[in-house]
Amino acid sequence: GCFRLTRITYALTISPVAMSLEELIPSSHAKSFLYSIFIRTGLVVSTLIIGLSVPFFGLVMSLIGSSLTMLVTLILPCACFLRILRGKVTRFQSVLCITIISIGVVCAVFGTYSALAEIVKSLSG
């Protein structure tokens, strides 16, 4: 369930980084899968070390995620759509985009407030 989704999300996040690091390997060694294994293992271990060493890492990530996720997935696409097609959008499209932007702002505010409340609760004891 949730663990599998986390693994898939993590793999999707790490894969582009790993592939760009693998491109730095000279072409004579490119066929060796050993380099790929070392790079990907190093990325996972470094992520683990950062996660364990930074206090409140999960809470900070939830704060960043709650504000930026809504901005990137709901607010900015609709705002850009309205801005690019300024005079050509229908009334329905305009109302729909404004509704989606409003929902995104409300979700971002509640998510950010929730994350900040958890951080304050953890800091106070």
Protein backbone atom coordinates (compact mmCIF):
# COMPACT_ATOMS: atom_id res chain seq x y z
CA GLY A 1 0.00 0.00 0.00
CA CYS A 2 1.62 3.17 1.30
CA PHE A 3 5.14 1.67 1.46
CA ARG A 4 4.97 0.65 -2.19
CA LEU A 5 3.82 4.13 -3.23
CA THR A 6 6.70 5.65 -1.26
CA ARG A 7 9.19 3.33 -2.99
CA ILE A 8 7.81 4.22 -6.41
CA THR A 9 7.86 7.96 -5.65
CA TYR A 10 11.40 7.76 -4.31
CA ALA A 11 12.55 5.80 -7.35
CA LEU A 12 11.00 8.39 -9.66
CA THR A 13 12.79 11.15 -7.78
CA ILE A 14 16.20 9.48 -7.65
CA SER A 15 16.28 8.03 -11.18
CA PRO A 16 16.96 11.30 -13.05
CA VAL A 17 19.76 12.18 -10.63
CA ALA A 18 21.28 8.72 -10.97
CA MET A 19 21.03 8.77 -14.76
CA SER A 20 22.72 12.17 -15.00
CA LEU A 21 25.53 10.95 -12.73
CA GLU A 22 25.86 7.78 -14.83
CA GLU A 23 26.33 9.94 -17.95
CA LEU A 24 29.53 11.29 -16.39
CA ILE A 25 31.11 7.82 -16.54
CA PRO A 26 33.54 7.52 -19.47
CA SER A 27 32.15 5.59 -22.43
CA SER A 28 34.69 2.79 -22.00
CA HIS A 29 33.14 1.95 -18.61
CA ALA A 30 29.52 2.69 -19.54
CA LYS A 31 28.59 -0.96 -19.96
CA SER A 32 29.50 -1.82 -16.39
CA PHE A 33 26.45 -2.12 -14.15
CA LEU A 34 28.71 -1.96 -11.11
CA TYR A 35 29.01 1.82 -11.49
CA SER A 36 25.25 2.13 -11.67
CA ILE A 37 24.81 0.06 -8.52
CA PHE A 38 27.40 2.15 -6.62
CA ILE A 39 25.83 5.43 -7.72
CA ARG A 40 22.29 4.43 -6.80
CA THR A 41 23.37 2.89 -3.49
CA GLY A 42 25.34 6.04 -2.69
CA LEU A 43 22.29 8.20 -3.39
CA VAL A 44 20.06 6.09 -1.14
CA VAL A 45 22.63 6.03 1.68
CA SER A 46 23.24 9.79 1.43
CA THR A 47 19.49 10.41 1.59
CA LEU A 48 19.25 8.18 4.65
CA ILE A 49 22.12 10.00 6.37
CA ILE A 50 20.58 13.40 5.66
CA GLY A 51 17.17 12.22 6.86
CA LEU A 52 18.60 10.88 10.10
CA SER A 53 20.97 13.78 10.80
CA VAL A 54 18.69 16.75 10.13
CA PRO A 55 16.33 17.39 13.03
CA PHE A 56 12.64 17.49 12.08
CA PHE A 57 13.49 16.45 8.52
CA GLY A 58 10.05 14.93 7.93
CA LEU A 59 8.26 17.95 9.32
CA VAL A 60 10.30 20.36 7.22
CA MET A 61 9.65 18.26 4.13
CA SER A 62 5.91 18.29 4.86
CA LEU A 63 6.04 22.07 5.21
CA ILE A 64 7.82 22.45 1.88
CA GLY A 65 5.59 19.87 0.22
CA SER A 66 2.32 21.33 1.44
CA SER A 67 3.08 24.78 0.13
CA LEU A 68 4.96 23.99 -3.07
CA THR A 69 2.91 21.01 -4.24
CA MET A 70 -0.29 23.00 -4.42
CA LEU A 71 1.54 25.86 -6.09
CA VAL A 72 3.10 23.69 -8.79
CA THR A 73 0.18 21.33 -9.44
CA LEU A 74 -2.91 23.53 -9.12
CA ILE A 75 -2.21 27.23 -8.84
CA LEU A 76 0.53 27.90 -11.41
CA PRO A 77 -0.89 25.84 -14.30
CA CYS A 78 -4.26 27.56 -14.06
CA ALA A 79 -2.71 30.99 -13.60
CA CYS A 80 -0.45 30.46 -16.61
CA PHE A 81 -3.37 29.19 -18.69
CA LEU A 82 -5.40 32.28 -17.86
CA ARG A 83 -2.44 34.57 -18.53
CA ILE A 84 -1.38 33.00 -21.83
CA LEU A 85 -4.90 32.81 -23.26
CA ARG A 86 -6.02 36.05 -21.65
CA GLY A 87 -8.64 37.18 -24.14
CA LYS A 88 -9.56 33.77 -25.56
CA VAL A 89 -10.82 31.83 -22.52
CA THR A 90 -14.50 31.16 -22.18
CA ARG A 91 -16.42 32.19 -19.10
CA PHE A 92 -16.66 28.52 -18.02
CA GLN A 93 -12.88 28.03 -18.36
CA SER A 94 -12.24 31.20 -16.40
CA VAL A 95 -14.59 30.22 -13.57
CA LEU A 96 -13.16 26.69 -13.50
CA CYS A 97 -9.57 27.97 -13.32
CA ILE A 98 -10.41 30.47 -10.60
CA THR A 99 -12.17 27.70 -8.65
CA ILE A 100 -9.14 25.41 -8.99
CA ILE A 101 -6.80 28.24 -7.94
CA SER A 102 -9.00 28.94 -4.91
CA ILE A 103 -9.02 25.27 -3.90
CA GLY A 104 -5.22 25.16 -4.30
CA VAL A 105 -4.75 28.24 -2.14
CA VAL A 106 -7.05 26.88 0.58
CA CYS A 107 -5.28 23.49 0.56
CA ALA A 108 -1.84 25.17 0.64
CA VAL A 109 -2.86 27.36 3.58
CA PHE A 110 -4.30 24.44 5.57
CA GLY A 111 -1.34 22.19 4.76
CA THR A 112 1.21 24.87 5.64
CA TYR A 113 -0.62 25.68 8.87
CA SER A 114 -0.79 21.99 9.79
CA ALA A 115 2.92 21.49 9.12
CA LEU A 116 3.87 24.62 11.08
CA ALA A 117 1.65 23.51 13.98
CA GLU A 118 3.42 20.12 14.06
CA ILE A 119 6.85 21.80 14.01
CA VAL A 120 5.86 24.13 16.87
CA LYS A 121 4.41 21.20 18.82
CA SER A 122 7.62 19.21 18.35
CA LEU A 123 9.80 22.14 19.38
CA SER A 124 7.77 22.94 22.50
CA GLY A 125 7.95 19.46 23.86
